[in-house]
PDBML (XML) file of the C-alpha atoms, coordinates in Angstrom:
<?xml version="1.0" encoding="UTF-8" ?>
<PDBx:datablock datablockName="MODEL"
   xmlns:PDBx="http://pdbml.pdb.org/schema/pdbx-v50.xsd"
   xmlns:xsi="http://www.w3.org/2001/XMLSchema-instance"
   xsi:schemaLocation="http://pdbml.pdb.org/schema/pdbx-v50.xsd pdbx-v50.xsd">
   <PDBx:atom_siteCategory>
      <PDBx:atom_site id="1">
         <PDBx:B_iso_or_equiv>0.00</PDBx:B_iso_or_equiv>
         <PDBx:Cartn_x>0.044</PDBx:Cartn_x>
         <PDBx:Cartn_y>0.046</PDBx:Cartn_y>
         <PDBx:Cartn_z>0.130</PDBx:Cartn_z>
         <PDBx:auth_asym_id>A</PDBx:auth_asym_id>
         <PDBx:auth_atom_id>CA</PDBx:auth_atom_id>
         <PDBx:auth_comp_id>GLY</PDBx:auth_comp_id>
         <PDBx:auth_seq_id>1</PDBx:auth_seq_id>
         <PDBx:group_PDB>ATOM</PDBx:group_PDB>
         <PDBx:label_alt_id xsi:nil="true" />
         <PDBx:label_asym_id>A</PDBx:label_asym_id>
         <PDBx:label_atom_id>CA</PDBx:label_atom_id>
         <PDBx:label_comp_id>GLY</PDBx:label_comp_id>
         <PDBx:label_entity_id>1</PDBx:label_entity_id>
         <PDBx:label_seq_id>1</PDBx:label_seq_id>
         <PDBx:occupancy>1.00</PDBx:occupancy>
         <PDBx:pdbx_PDB_model_num>1</PDBx:pdbx_PDB_model_num>
         <PDBx:type_symbol>C</PDBx:type_symbol>
      </PDBx:atom_site>
      <PDBx:atom_site id="2">
         <PDBx:B_iso_or_equiv>0.00</PDBx:B_iso_or_equiv>
         <PDBx:Cartn_x>3.179</PDBx:Cartn_x>
         <PDBx:Cartn_y>2.198</PDBx:Cartn_y>
         <PDBx:Cartn_z>-0.417</PDBx:Cartn_z>
         <PDBx:auth_asym_id>A</PDBx:auth_asym_id>
         <PDBx:auth_atom_id>CA</PDBx:auth_atom_id>
         <PDBx:auth_comp_id>CYS</PDBx:auth_comp_id>
         <PDBx:auth_seq_id>2</PDBx:auth_seq_id>
         <PDBx:group_PDB>ATOM</PDBx:group_PDB>
         <PDBx:label_alt_id xsi:nil="true" />
         <PDBx:label_asym_id>A</PDBx:label_asym_id>
         <PDBx:label_atom_id>CA</PDBx:label_atom_id>
         <PDBx:label_comp_id>CYS</PDBx:label_comp_id>
         <PDBx:label_entity_id>1</PDBx:label_entity_id>
         <PDBx:label_seq_id>2</PDBx:label_seq_id>
         <PDBx:occupancy>1.00</PDBx:occupancy>
         <PDBx:pdbx_PDB_model_num>1</PDBx:pdbx_PDB_model_num>
         <PDBx:type_symbol>C</PDBx:type_symbol>
      </PDBx:atom_site>
      <PDBx:atom_site id="3">
         <PDBx:B_iso_or_equiv>0.00</PDBx:B_iso_or_equiv>
         <PDBx:Cartn_x>3.215</PDBx:Cartn_x>
         <PDBx:Cartn_y>5.199</PDBx:Cartn_y>
         <PDBx:Cartn_z>-2.744</PDBx:Cartn_z>
         <PDBx:auth_asym_id>A</PDBx:auth_asym_id>
         <PDBx:auth_atom_id>CA</PDBx:auth_atom_id>
         <PDBx:auth_comp_id>ARG</PDBx:auth_comp_id>
         <PDBx:auth_seq_id>3</PDBx:auth_seq_id>
         <PDBx:group_PDB>ATOM</PDBx:group_PDB>
         <PDBx:label_alt_id xsi:nil="true" />
         <PDBx:label_asym_id>A</PDBx:label_asym_id>
         <PDBx:label_atom_id>CA</PDBx:label_atom_id>
         <PDBx:label_comp_id>ARG</PDBx:label_comp_id>
         <PDBx:label_entity_id>1</PDBx:label_entity_id>
         <PDBx:label_seq_id>3</PDBx:label_seq_id>
         <PDBx:occupancy>1.00</PDBx:occupancy>
         <PDBx:pdbx_PDB_model_num>1</PDBx:pdbx_PDB_model_num>
         <PDBx:type_symbol>C</PDBx:type_symbol>
      </PDBx:atom_site>
      <PDBx:atom_site id="4">
         <PDBx:B_iso_or_equiv>0.00</PDBx:B_iso_or_equiv>
         <PDBx:Cartn_x>6.497</PDBx:Cartn_x>
         <PDBx:Cartn_y>4.577</PDBx:Cartn_y>
         <PDBx:Cartn_z>-4.662</PDBx:Cartn_z>
         <PDBx:auth_asym_id>A</PDBx:auth_asym_id>
         <PDBx:auth_atom_id>CA</PDBx:auth_atom_id>
         <PDBx:auth_comp_id>ILE</PDBx:auth_comp_id>
         <PDBx:auth_seq_id>4</PDBx:auth_seq_id>
         <PDBx:group_PDB>ATOM</PDBx:group_PDB>
         <PDBx:label_alt_id xsi:nil="true" />
         <PDBx:label_asym_id>A</PDBx:label_asym_id>
         <PDBx:label_atom_id>CA</PDBx:label_atom_id>
         <PDBx:label_comp_id>ILE</PDBx:label_comp_id>
         <PDBx:label_entity_id>1</PDBx:label_entity_id>
         <PDBx:label_seq_id>4</PDBx:label_seq_id>
         <PDBx:occupancy>1.00</PDBx:occupancy>
         <PDBx:pdbx_PDB_model_num>1</PDBx:pdbx_PDB_model_num>
         <PDBx:type_symbol>C</PDBx:type_symbol>
      </PDBx:atom_site>
      <PDBx:atom_site id="5">
         <PDBx:B_iso_or_equiv>0.00</PDBx:B_iso_or_equiv>
         <PDBx:Cartn_x>7.715</PDBx:Cartn_x>
         <PDBx:Cartn_y>7.655</PDBx:Cartn_y>
         <PDBx:Cartn_z>-5.628</PDBx:Cartn_z>
         <PDBx:auth_asym_id>A</PDBx:auth_asym_id>
         <PDBx:auth_atom_id>CA</PDBx:auth_atom_id>
         <PDBx:auth_comp_id>LEU</PDBx:auth_comp_id>
         <PDBx:auth_seq_id>5</PDBx:auth_seq_id>
         <PDBx:group_PDB>ATOM</PDBx:group_PDB>
         <PDBx:label_alt_id xsi:nil="true" />
         <PDBx:label_asym_id>A</PDBx:label_asym_id>
         <PDBx:label_atom_id>CA</PDBx:label_atom_id>
         <PDBx:label_comp_id>LEU</PDBx:label_comp_id>
         <PDBx:label_entity_id>1</PDBx:label_entity_id>
         <PDBx:label_seq_id>5</PDBx:label_seq_id>
         <PDBx:occupancy>1.00</PDBx:occupancy>
         <PDBx:pdbx_PDB_model_num>1</PDBx:pdbx_PDB_model_num>
         <PDBx:type_symbol>C</PDBx:type_symbol>
      </PDBx:atom_site>
      <PDBx:atom_site id="6">
         <PDBx:B_iso_or_equiv>0.00</PDBx:B_iso_or_equiv>
         <PDBx:Cartn_x>10.400</PDBx:Cartn_x>
         <PDBx:Cartn_y>6.441</PDBx:Cartn_y>
         <PDBx:Cartn_z>-8.030</PDBx:Cartn_z>
         <PDBx:auth_asym_id>A</PDBx:auth_asym_id>
         <PDBx:auth_atom_id>CA</PDBx:auth_atom_id>
         <PDBx:auth_comp_id>GLY</PDBx:auth_comp_id>
         <PDBx:auth_seq_id>6</PDBx:auth_seq_id>
         <PDBx:group_PDB>ATOM</PDBx:group_PDB>
         <PDBx:label_alt_id xsi:nil="true" />
         <PDBx:label_asym_id>A</PDBx:label_asym_id>
         <PDBx:label_atom_id>CA</PDBx:label_atom_id>
         <PDBx:label_comp_id>GLY</PDBx:label_comp_id>
         <PDBx:label_entity_id>1</PDBx:label_entity_id>
         <PDBx:label_seq_id>6</PDBx:label_seq_id>
         <PDBx:occupancy>1.00</PDBx:occupancy>
         <PDBx:pdbx_PDB_model_num>1</PDBx:pdbx_PDB_model_num>
         <PDBx:type_symbol>C</PDBx:type_symbol>
      </PDBx:atom_site>
      <PDBx:atom_site id="7">
         <PDBx:B_iso_or_equiv>0.00</PDBx:B_iso_or_equiv>
         <PDBx:Cartn_x>13.797</PDBx:Cartn_x>
         <PDBx:Cartn_y>4.433</PDBx:Cartn_y>
         <PDBx:Cartn_z>-8.523</PDBx:Cartn_z>
         <PDBx:auth_asym_id>A</PDBx:auth_asym_id>
         <PDBx:auth_atom_id>CA</PDBx:auth_atom_id>
         <PDBx:auth_comp_id>ALA</PDBx:auth_comp_id>
         <PDBx:auth_seq_id>7</PDBx:auth_seq_id>
         <PDBx:group_PDB>ATOM</PDBx:group_PDB>
         <PDBx:label_alt_id xsi:nil="true" />
         <PDBx:label_asym_id>A</PDBx:label_asym_id>
         <PDBx:label_atom_id>CA</PDBx:label_atom_id>
         <PDBx:label_comp_id>ALA</PDBx:label_comp_id>
         <PDBx:label_entity_id>1</PDBx:label_entity_id>
         <PDBx:label_seq_id>7</PDBx:label_seq_id>
         <PDBx:occupancy>1.00</PDBx:occupancy>
         <PDBx:pdbx_PDB_model_num>1</PDBx:pdbx_PDB_model_num>
         <PDBx:type_symbol>C</PDBx:type_symbol>
      </PDBx:atom_site>
      <PDBx:atom_site id="8">
         <PDBx:B_iso_or_equiv>0.00</PDBx:B_iso_or_equiv>
         <PDBx:Cartn_x>17.092</PDBx:Cartn_x>
         <PDBx:Cartn_y>5.611</PDBx:Cartn_y>
         <PDBx:Cartn_z>-8.372</PDBx:Cartn_z>
         <PDBx:auth_asym_id>A</PDBx:auth_asym_id>
         <PDBx:auth_atom_id>CA</PDBx:auth_atom_id>
         <PDBx:auth_comp_id>VAL</PDBx:auth_comp_id>
         <PDBx:auth_seq_id>8</PDBx:auth_seq_id>
         <PDBx:group_PDB>ATOM</PDBx:group_PDB>
         <PDBx:label_alt_id xsi:nil="true" />
         <PDBx:label_asym_id>A</PDBx:label_asym_id>
         <PDBx:label_atom_id>CA</PDBx:label_atom_id>
         <PDBx:label_comp_id>VAL</PDBx:label_comp_id>
         <PDBx:label_entity_id>1</PDBx:label_entity_id>
         <PDBx:label_seq_id>8</PDBx:label_seq_id>
         <PDBx:occupancy>1.00</PDBx:occupancy>
         <PDBx:pdbx_PDB_model_num>1</PDBx:pdbx_PDB_model_num>
         <PDBx:type_symbol>C</PDBx:type_symbol>
      </PDBx:atom_site>
      <PDBx:atom_site id="9">
         <PDBx:B_iso_or_equiv>0.00</PDBx:B_iso_or_equiv>
         <PDBx:Cartn_x>19.707</PDBx:Cartn_x>
         <PDBx:Cartn_y>3.547</PDBx:Cartn_y>
         <PDBx:Cartn_z>-11.216</PDBx:Cartn_z>
         <PDBx:auth_asym_id>A</PDBx:auth_asym_id>
         <PDBx:auth_atom_id>CA</PDBx:auth_atom_id>
         <PDBx:auth_comp_id>LEU</PDBx:auth_comp_id>
         <PDBx:auth_seq_id>9</PDBx:auth_seq_id>
         <PDBx:group_PDB>ATOM</PDBx:group_PDB>
         <PDBx:label_alt_id xsi:nil="true" />
         <PDBx:label_asym_id>A</PDBx:label_asym_id>
         <PDBx:label_atom_id>CA</PDBx:label_atom_id>
         <PDBx:label_comp_id>LEU</PDBx:label_comp_id>
         <PDBx:label_entity_id>1</PDBx:label_entity_id>
         <PDBx:label_seq_id>9</PDBx:label_seq_id>
         <PDBx:occupancy>1.00</PDBx:occupancy>
         <PDBx:pdbx_PDB_model_num>1</PDBx:pdbx_PDB_model_num>
         <PDBx:type_symbol>C</PDBx:type_symbol>
      </PDBx:atom_site>
      <PDBx:atom_site id="10">
         <PDBx:B_iso_or_equiv>0.00</PDBx:B_iso_or_equiv>
         <PDBx:Cartn_x>23.141</PDBx:Cartn_x>
         <PDBx:Cartn_y>3.850</PDBx:Cartn_y>
         <PDBx:Cartn_z>-9.484</PDBx:Cartn_z>
         <PDBx:auth_asym_id>A</PDBx:auth_asym_id>
         <PDBx:auth_atom_id>CA</PDBx:auth_atom_id>
         <PDBx:auth_comp_id>ASN</PDBx:auth_comp_id>
         <PDBx:auth_seq_id>10</PDBx:auth_seq_id>
         <PDBx:group_PDB>ATOM</PDBx:group_PDB>
         <PDBx:label_alt_id xsi:nil="true" />
         <PDBx:label_asym_id>A</PDBx:label_asym_id>
         <PDBx:label_atom_id>CA</PDBx:label_atom_id>
         <PDBx:label_comp_id>ASN</PDBx:label_comp_id>
         <PDBx:label_entity_id>1</PDBx:label_entity_id>
         <PDBx:label_seq_id>10</PDBx:label_seq_id>
         <PDBx:occupancy>1.00</PDBx:occupancy>
         <PDBx:pdbx_PDB_model_num>1</PDBx:pdbx_PDB_model_num>
         <PDBx:type_symbol>C</PDBx:type_symbol>
      </PDBx:atom_site>
      <PDBx:atom_site id="11">
         <PDBx:B_iso_or_equiv>0.00</PDBx:B_iso_or_equiv>
         <PDBx:Cartn_x>26.492</PDBx:Cartn_x>
         <PDBx:Cartn_y>2.331</PDBx:Cartn_y>
         <PDBx:Cartn_z>-10.261</PDBx:Cartn_z>
         <PDBx:auth_asym_id>A</PDBx:auth_asym_id>
         <PDBx:auth_atom_id>CA</PDBx:auth_atom_id>
         <PDBx:auth_comp_id>MET</PDBx:auth_comp_id>
         <PDBx:auth_seq_id>11</PDBx:auth_seq_id>
         <PDBx:group_PDB>ATOM</PDBx:group_PDB>
         <PDBx:label_alt_id xsi:nil="true" />
         <PDBx:label_asym_id>A</PDBx:label_asym_id>
         <PDBx:label_atom_id>CA</PDBx:label_atom_id>
         <PDBx:label_comp_id>MET</PDBx:label_comp_id>
         <PDBx:label_entity_id>1</PDBx:label_entity_id>
         <PDBx:label_seq_id>11</PDBx:label_seq_id>
         <PDBx:occupancy>1.00</PDBx:occupancy>
         <PDBx:pdbx_PDB_model_num>1</PDBx:pdbx_PDB_model_num>
         <PDBx:type_symbol>C</PDBx:type_symbol>
      </PDBx:atom_site>
      <PDBx:atom_site id="12">
         <PDBx:B_iso_or_equiv>0.00</PDBx:B_iso_or_equiv>
         <PDBx:Cartn_x>26.232</PDBx:Cartn_x>
         <PDBx:Cartn_y>3.168</PDBx:Cartn_y>
         <PDBx:Cartn_z>-13.505</PDBx:Cartn_z>
         <PDBx:auth_asym_id>A</PDBx:auth_asym_id>
         <PDBx:auth_atom_id>CA</PDBx:auth_atom_id>
         <PDBx:auth_comp_id>ILE</PDBx:auth_comp_id>
         <PDBx:auth_seq_id>12</PDBx:auth_seq_id>
         <PDBx:group_PDB>ATOM</PDBx:group_PDB>
         <PDBx:label_alt_id xsi:nil="true" />
         <PDBx:label_asym_id>A</PDBx:label_asym_id>
         <PDBx:label_atom_id>CA</PDBx:label_atom_id>
         <PDBx:label_comp_id>ILE</PDBx:label_comp_id>
         <PDBx:label_entity_id>1</PDBx:label_entity_id>
         <PDBx:label_seq_id>12</PDBx:label_seq_id>
         <PDBx:occupancy>1.00</PDBx:occupancy>
         <PDBx:pdbx_PDB_model_num>1</PDBx:pdbx_PDB_model_num>
         <PDBx:type_symbol>C</PDBx:type_symbol>
      </PDBx:atom_site>
      <PDBx:atom_site id="13">
         <PDBx:B_iso_or_equiv>0.00</PDBx:B_iso_or_equiv>
         <PDBx:Cartn_x>29.270</PDBx:Cartn_x>
         <PDBx:Cartn_y>2.770</PDBx:Cartn_y>
         <PDBx:Cartn_z>-15.734</PDBx:Cartn_z>
         <PDBx:auth_asym_id>A</PDBx:auth_asym_id>
         <PDBx:auth_atom_id>CA</PDBx:auth_atom_id>
         <PDBx:auth_comp_id>GLN</PDBx:auth_comp_id>
         <PDBx:auth_seq_id>13</PDBx:auth_seq_id>
         <PDBx:group_PDB>ATOM</PDBx:group_PDB>
         <PDBx:label_alt_id xsi:nil="true" />
         <PDBx:label_asym_id>A</PDBx:label_asym_id>
         <PDBx:label_atom_id>CA</PDBx:label_atom_id>
         <PDBx:label_comp_id>GLN</PDBx:label_comp_id>
         <PDBx:label_entity_id>1</PDBx:label_entity_id>
         <PDBx:label_seq_id>13</PDBx:label_seq_id>
         <PDBx:occupancy>1.00</PDBx:occupancy>
         <PDBx:pdbx_PDB_model_num>1</PDBx:pdbx_PDB_model_num>
         <PDBx:type_symbol>C</PDBx:type_symbol>
      </PDBx:atom_site>
      <PDBx:atom_site id="14">
         <PDBx:B_iso_or_equiv>0.00</PDBx:B_iso_or_equiv>
         <PDBx:Cartn_x>29.662</PDBx:Cartn_x>
         <PDBx:Cartn_y>4.492</PDBx:Cartn_y>
         <PDBx:Cartn_z>-19.200</PDBx:Cartn_z>
         <PDBx:auth_asym_id>A</PDBx:auth_asym_id>
         <PDBx:auth_atom_id>CA</PDBx:auth_atom_id>
         <PDBx:auth_comp_id>SER</PDBx:auth_comp_id>
         <PDBx:auth_seq_id>14</PDBx:auth_seq_id>
         <PDBx:group_PDB>ATOM</PDBx:group_PDB>
         <PDBx:label_alt_id xsi:nil="true" />
         <PDBx:label_asym_id>A</PDBx:label_asym_id>
         <PDBx:label_atom_id>CA</PDBx:label_atom_id>
         <PDBx:label_comp_id>SER</PDBx:label_comp_id>
         <PDBx:label_entity_id>1</PDBx:label_entity_id>
         <PDBx:label_seq_id>14</PDBx:label_seq_id>
         <PDBx:occupancy>1.00</PDBx:occupancy>
         <PDBx:pdbx_PDB_model_num>1</PDBx:pdbx_PDB_model_num>
         <PDBx:type_symbol>C</PDBx:type_symbol>
      </PDBx:atom_site>
      <PDBx:atom_site id="15">
         <PDBx:B_iso_or_equiv>0.00</PDBx:B_iso_or_equiv>
         <PDBx:Cartn_x>32.421</PDBx:Cartn_x>
         <PDBx:Cartn_y>5.794</PDBx:Cartn_y>
         <PDBx:Cartn_z>-21.546</PDBx:Cartn_z>
         <PDBx:auth_asym_id>A</PDBx:auth_asym_id>
         <PDBx:auth_atom_id>CA</PDBx:auth_atom_id>
         <PDBx:auth_comp_id>THR</PDBx:auth_comp_id>
         <PDBx:auth_seq_id>15</PDBx:auth_seq_id>
         <PDBx:group_PDB>ATOM</PDBx:group_PDB>
         <PDBx:label_alt_id xsi:nil="true" />
         <PDBx:label_asym_id>A</PDBx:label_asym_id>
         <PDBx:label_atom_id>CA</PDBx:label_atom_id>
         <PDBx:label_comp_id>THR</PDBx:label_comp_id>
         <PDBx:label_entity_id>1</PDBx:label_entity_id>
         <PDBx:label_seq_id>15</PDBx:label_seq_id>
         <PDBx:occupancy>1.00</PDBx:occupancy>
         <PDBx:pdbx_PDB_model_num>1</PDBx:pdbx_PDB_model_num>
         <PDBx:type_symbol>C</PDBx:type_symbol>
      </PDBx:atom_site>
      <PDBx:atom_site id="16">
         <PDBx:B_iso_or_equiv>0.00</PDBx:B_iso_or_equiv>
         <PDBx:Cartn_x>34.543</PDBx:Cartn_x>
         <PDBx:Cartn_y>7.999</PDBx:Cartn_y>
         <PDBx:Cartn_z>-20.238</PDBx:Cartn_z>
         <PDBx:auth_asym_id>A</PDBx:auth_asym_id>
         <PDBx:auth_atom_id>CA</PDBx:auth_atom_id>
         <PDBx:auth_comp_id>LYS</PDBx:auth_comp_id>
         <PDBx:auth_seq_id>16</PDBx:auth_seq_id>
         <PDBx:group_PDB>ATOM</PDBx:group_PDB>
         <PDBx:label_alt_id xsi:nil="true" />
         <PDBx:label_asym_id>A</PDBx:label_asym_id>
         <PDBx:label_atom_id>CA</PDBx:label_atom_id>
         <PDBx:label_comp_id>LYS</PDBx:label_comp_id>
         <PDBx:label_entity_id>1</PDBx:label_entity_id>
         <PDBx:label_seq_id>16</PDBx:label_seq_id>
         <PDBx:occupancy>1.00</PDBx:occupancy>
         <PDBx:pdbx_PDB_model_num>1</PDBx:pdbx_PDB_model_num>
         <PDBx:type_symbol>C</PDBx:type_symbol>
      </PDBx:atom_site>
      <PDBx:atom_site id="17">
         <PDBx:B_iso_or_equiv>0.00</PDBx:B_iso_or_equiv>
         <PDBx:Cartn_x>34.034</PDBx:Cartn_x>
         <PDBx:Cartn_y>11.575</PDBx:Cartn_y>
         <PDBx:Cartn_z>-22.220</PDBx:Cartn_z>
         <PDBx:auth_asym_id>A</PDBx:auth_asym_id>
         <PDBx:auth_atom_id>CA</PDBx:auth_atom_id>
         <PDBx:auth_comp_id>GLY</PDBx:auth_comp_id>
         <PDBx:auth_seq_id>17</PDBx:auth_seq_id>
         <PDBx:group_PDB>ATOM</PDBx:group_PDB>
         <PDBx:label_alt_id xsi:nil="true" />
         <PDBx:label_asym_id>A</PDBx:label_asym_id>
         <PDBx:label_atom_id>CA</PDBx:label_atom_id>
         <PDBx:label_comp_id>GLY</PDBx:label_comp_id>
         <PDBx:label_entity_id>1</PDBx:label_entity_id>
         <PDBx:label_seq_id>17</PDBx:label_seq_id>
         <PDBx:occupancy>1.00</PDBx:occupancy>
         <PDBx:pdbx_PDB_model_num>1</PDBx:pdbx_PDB_model_num>
         <PDBx:type_symbol>C</PDBx:type_symbol>
      </PDBx:atom_site>
      <PDBx:atom_site id="18">
         <PDBx:B_iso_or_equiv>0.00</PDBx:B_iso_or_equiv>
         <PDBx:Cartn_x>30.665</PDBx:Cartn_x>
         <PDBx:Cartn_y>10.716</PDBx:Cartn_y>
         <PDBx:Cartn_z>-22.679</PDBx:Cartn_z>
         <PDBx:auth_asym_id>A</PDBx:auth_asym_id>
         <PDBx:auth_atom_id>CA</PDBx:auth_atom_id>
         <PDBx:auth_comp_id>SER</PDBx:auth_comp_id>
         <PDBx:auth_seq_id>18</PDBx:auth_seq_id>
         <PDBx:group_PDB>ATOM</PDBx:group_PDB>
         <PDBx:label_alt_id xsi:nil="true" />
         <PDBx:label_asym_id>A</PDBx:label_asym_id>
         <PDBx:label_atom_id>CA</PDBx:label_atom_id>
         <PDBx:label_comp_id>SER</PDBx:label_comp_id>
         <PDBx:label_entity_id>1</PDBx:label_entity_id>
         <PDBx:label_seq_id>18</PDBx:label_seq_id>
         <PDBx:occupancy>1.00</PDBx:occupancy>
         <PDBx:pdbx_PDB_model_num>1</PDBx:pdbx_PDB_model_num>
         <PDBx:type_symbol>C</PDBx:type_symbol>
      </PDBx:atom_site>
      <PDBx:atom_site id="19">
         <PDBx:B_iso_or_equiv>0.00</PDBx:B_iso_or_equiv>
         <PDBx:Cartn_x>28.291</PDBx:Cartn_x>
         <PDBx:Cartn_y>13.645</PDBx:Cartn_y>
         <PDBx:Cartn_z>-21.010</PDBx:Cartn_z>
         <PDBx:auth_asym_id>A</PDBx:auth_asym_id>
         <PDBx:auth_atom_id>CA</PDBx:auth_atom_id>
         <PDBx:auth_comp_id>TYR</PDBx:auth_comp_id>
         <PDBx:auth_seq_id>19</PDBx:auth_seq_id>
         <PDBx:group_PDB>ATOM</PDBx:group_PDB>
         <PDBx:label_alt_id xsi:nil="true" />
         <PDBx:label_asym_id>A</PDBx:label_asym_id>
         <PDBx:label_atom_id>CA</PDBx:label_atom_id>
         <PDBx:label_comp_id>TYR</PDBx:label_comp_id>
         <PDBx:label_entity_id>1</PDBx:label_entity_id>
         <PDBx:label_seq_id>19</PDBx:label_seq_id>
         <PDBx:occupancy>1.00</PDBx:occupancy>
         <PDBx:pdbx_PDB_model_num>1</PDBx:pdbx_PDB_model_num>
         <PDBx:type_symbol>C</PDBx:type_symbol>
      </PDBx:atom_site>
      <PDBx:atom_site id="20">
         <PDBx:B_iso_or_equiv>0.00</PDBx:B_iso_or_equiv>
         <PDBx:Cartn_x>26.468</PDBx:Cartn_x>
         <PDBx:Cartn_y>11.294</PDBx:Cartn_y>
         <PDBx:Cartn_z>-18.855</PDBx:Cartn_z>
         <PDBx:auth_asym_id>A</PDBx:auth_asym_id>
         <PDBx:auth_atom_id>CA</PDBx:auth_atom_id>
         <PDBx:auth_comp_id>TYR</PDBx:auth_comp_id>
         <PDBx:auth_seq_id>20</PDBx:auth_seq_id>
         <PDBx:group_PDB>ATOM</PDBx:group_PDB>
         <PDBx:label_alt_id xsi:nil="true" />
         <PDBx:label_asym_id>A</PDBx:label_asym_id>
         <PDBx:label_atom_id>CA</PDBx:label_atom_id>
         <PDBx:label_comp_id>TYR</PDBx:label_comp_id>
         <PDBx:label_entity_id>1</PDBx:label_entity_id>
         <PDBx:label_seq_id>20</PDBx:label_seq_id>
         <PDBx:occupancy>1.00</PDBx:occupancy>
         <PDBx:pdbx_PDB_model_num>1</PDBx:pdbx_PDB_model_num>
         <PDBx:type_symbol>C</PDBx:type_symbol>
      </PDBx:atom_site>
      <PDBx:atom_site id="21">
         <PDBx:B_iso_or_equiv>0.00</PDBx:B_iso_or_equiv>
         <PDBx:Cartn_x>30.030</PDBx:Cartn_x>
         <PDBx:Cartn_y>9.512</PDBx:Cartn_y>
         <PDBx:Cartn_z>-17.847</PDBx:Cartn_z>
         <PDBx:auth_asym_id>A</PDBx:auth_asym_id>
         <PDBx:auth_atom_id>CA</PDBx:auth_atom_id>
         <PDBx:auth_comp_id>TYR</PDBx:auth_comp_id>
         <PDBx:auth_seq_id>21</PDBx:auth_seq_id>
         <PDBx:group_PDB>ATOM</PDBx:group_PDB>
         <PDBx:label_alt_id xsi:nil="true" />
         <PDBx:label_asym_id>A</PDBx:label_asym_id>
         <PDBx:label_atom_id>CA</PDBx:label_atom_id>
         <PDBx:label_comp_id>TYR</PDBx:label_comp_id>
         <PDBx:label_entity_id>1</PDBx:label_entity_id>
         <PDBx:label_seq_id>21</PDBx:label_seq_id>
         <PDBx:occupancy>1.00</PDBx:occupancy>
         <PDBx:pdbx_PDB_model_num>1</PDBx:pdbx_PDB_model_num>
         <PDBx:type_symbol>C</PDBx:type_symbol>
      </PDBx:atom_site>
      <PDBx:atom_site id="22">
         <PDBx:B_iso_or_equiv>0.00</PDBx:B_iso_or_equiv>
         <PDBx:Cartn_x>30.351</PDBx:Cartn_x>
         <PDBx:Cartn_y>8.212</PDBx:Cartn_y>
         <PDBx:Cartn_z>-13.993</PDBx:Cartn_z>
         <PDBx:auth_asym_id>A</PDBx:auth_asym_id>
         <PDBx:auth_atom_id>CA</PDBx:auth_atom_id>
         <PDBx:auth_comp_id>ARG</PDBx:auth_comp_id>
         <PDBx:auth_seq_id>22</PDBx:auth_seq_id>
         <PDBx:group_PDB>ATOM</PDBx:group_PDB>
         <PDBx:label_alt_id xsi:nil="true" />
         <PDBx:label_asym_id>A</PDBx:label_asym_id>
         <PDBx:label_atom_id>CA</PDBx:label_atom_id>
         <PDBx:label_comp_id>ARG</PDBx:label_comp_id>
         <PDBx:label_entity_id>1</PDBx:label_entity_id>
         <PDBx:label_seq_id>22</PDBx:label_seq_id>
         <PDBx:occupancy>1.00</PDBx:occupancy>
         <PDBx:pdbx_PDB_model_num>1</PDBx:pdbx_PDB_model_num>
         <PDBx:type_symbol>C</PDBx:type_symbol>
      </PDBx:atom_site>
      <PDBx:atom_site id="23">
         <PDBx:B_iso_or_equiv>0.00</PDBx:B_iso_or_equiv>
         <PDBx:Cartn_x>32.554</PDBx:Cartn_x>
         <PDBx:Cartn_y>6.427</PDBx:Cartn_y>
         <PDBx:Cartn_z>-12.160</PDBx:Cartn_z>
         <PDBx:auth_asym_id>A</PDBx:auth_asym_id>
         <PDBx:auth_atom_id>CA</PDBx:auth_atom_id>
         <PDBx:auth_comp_id>SER</PDBx:auth_comp_id>
         <PDBx:auth_seq_id>23</PDBx:auth_seq_id>
         <PDBx:group_PDB>ATOM</PDBx:group_PDB>
         <PDBx:label_alt_id xsi:nil="true" />
         <PDBx:label_asym_id>A</PDBx:label_asym_id>
         <PDBx:label_atom_id>CA</PDBx:label_atom_id>
         <PDBx:label_comp_id>SER</PDBx:label_comp_id>
         <PDBx:label_entity_id>1</PDBx:label_entity_id>
         <PDBx:label_seq_id>23</PDBx:label_seq_id>
         <PDBx:occupancy>1.00</PDBx:occupancy>
         <PDBx:pdbx_PDB_model_num>1</PDBx:pdbx_PDB_model_num>
         <PDBx:type_symbol>C</PDBx:type_symbol>
      </PDBx:atom_site>
      <PDBx:atom_site id="24">
         <PDBx:B_iso_or_equiv>0.00</PDBx:B_iso_or_equiv>
         <PDBx:Cartn_x>31.656</PDBx:Cartn_x>
         <PDBx:Cartn_y>3.191</PDBx:Cartn_y>
         <PDBx:Cartn_z>-10.578</PDBx:Cartn_z>
         <PDBx:auth_asym_id>A</PDBx:auth_asym_id>
         <PDBx:auth_atom_id>CA</PDBx:auth_atom_id>
         <PDBx:auth_comp_id>LYS</PDBx:auth_comp_id>
         <PDBx:auth_seq_id>24</PDBx:auth_seq_id>
         <PDBx:group_PDB>ATOM</PDBx:group_PDB>
         <PDBx:label_alt_id xsi:nil="true" />
         <PDBx:label_asym_id>A</PDBx:label_asym_id>
         <PDBx:label_atom_id>CA</PDBx:label_atom_id>
         <PDBx:label_comp_id>LYS</PDBx:label_comp_id>
         <PDBx:label_entity_id>1</PDBx:label_entity_id>
         <PDBx:label_seq_id>24</PDBx:label_seq_id>
         <PDBx:occupancy>1.00</PDBx:occupancy>
         <PDBx:pdbx_PDB_model_num>1</PDBx:pdbx_PDB_model_num>
         <PDBx:type_symbol>C</PDBx:type_symbol>
      </PDBx:atom_site>
      <PDBx:atom_site id="25">
         <PDBx:B_iso_or_equiv>0.00</PDBx:B_iso_or_equiv>
         <PDBx:Cartn_x>29.585</PDBx:Cartn_x>
         <PDBx:Cartn_y>3.609</PDBx:Cartn_y>
         <PDBx:Cartn_z>-7.094</PDBx:Cartn_z>
         <PDBx:auth_asym_id>A</PDBx:auth_asym_id>
         <PDBx:auth_atom_id>CA</PDBx:auth_atom_id>
         <PDBx:auth_comp_id>GLY</PDBx:auth_comp_id>
         <PDBx:auth_seq_id>25</PDBx:auth_seq_id>
         <PDBx:group_PDB>ATOM</PDBx:group_PDB>
         <PDBx:label_alt_id xsi:nil="true" />
         <PDBx:label_asym_id>A</PDBx:label_asym_id>
         <PDBx:label_atom_id>CA</PDBx:label_atom_id>
         <PDBx:label_comp_id>GLY</PDBx:label_comp_id>
         <PDBx:label_entity_id>1</PDBx:label_entity_id>
         <PDBx:label_seq_id>25</PDBx:label_seq_id>
         <PDBx:occupancy>1.00</PDBx:occupancy>
         <PDBx:pdbx_PDB_model_num>1</PDBx:pdbx_PDB_model_num>
         <PDBx:type_symbol>C</PDBx:type_symbol>
      </PDBx:atom_site>
   </PDBx:atom_siteCategory>
</PDBx:datablock>
């Protein structure tokens, strides 16, 4: 019965230099 506000997608690994690049963790 709890409202799900949303989800956090965590620990993304992307290509270095990409606009959305993030390190692990």
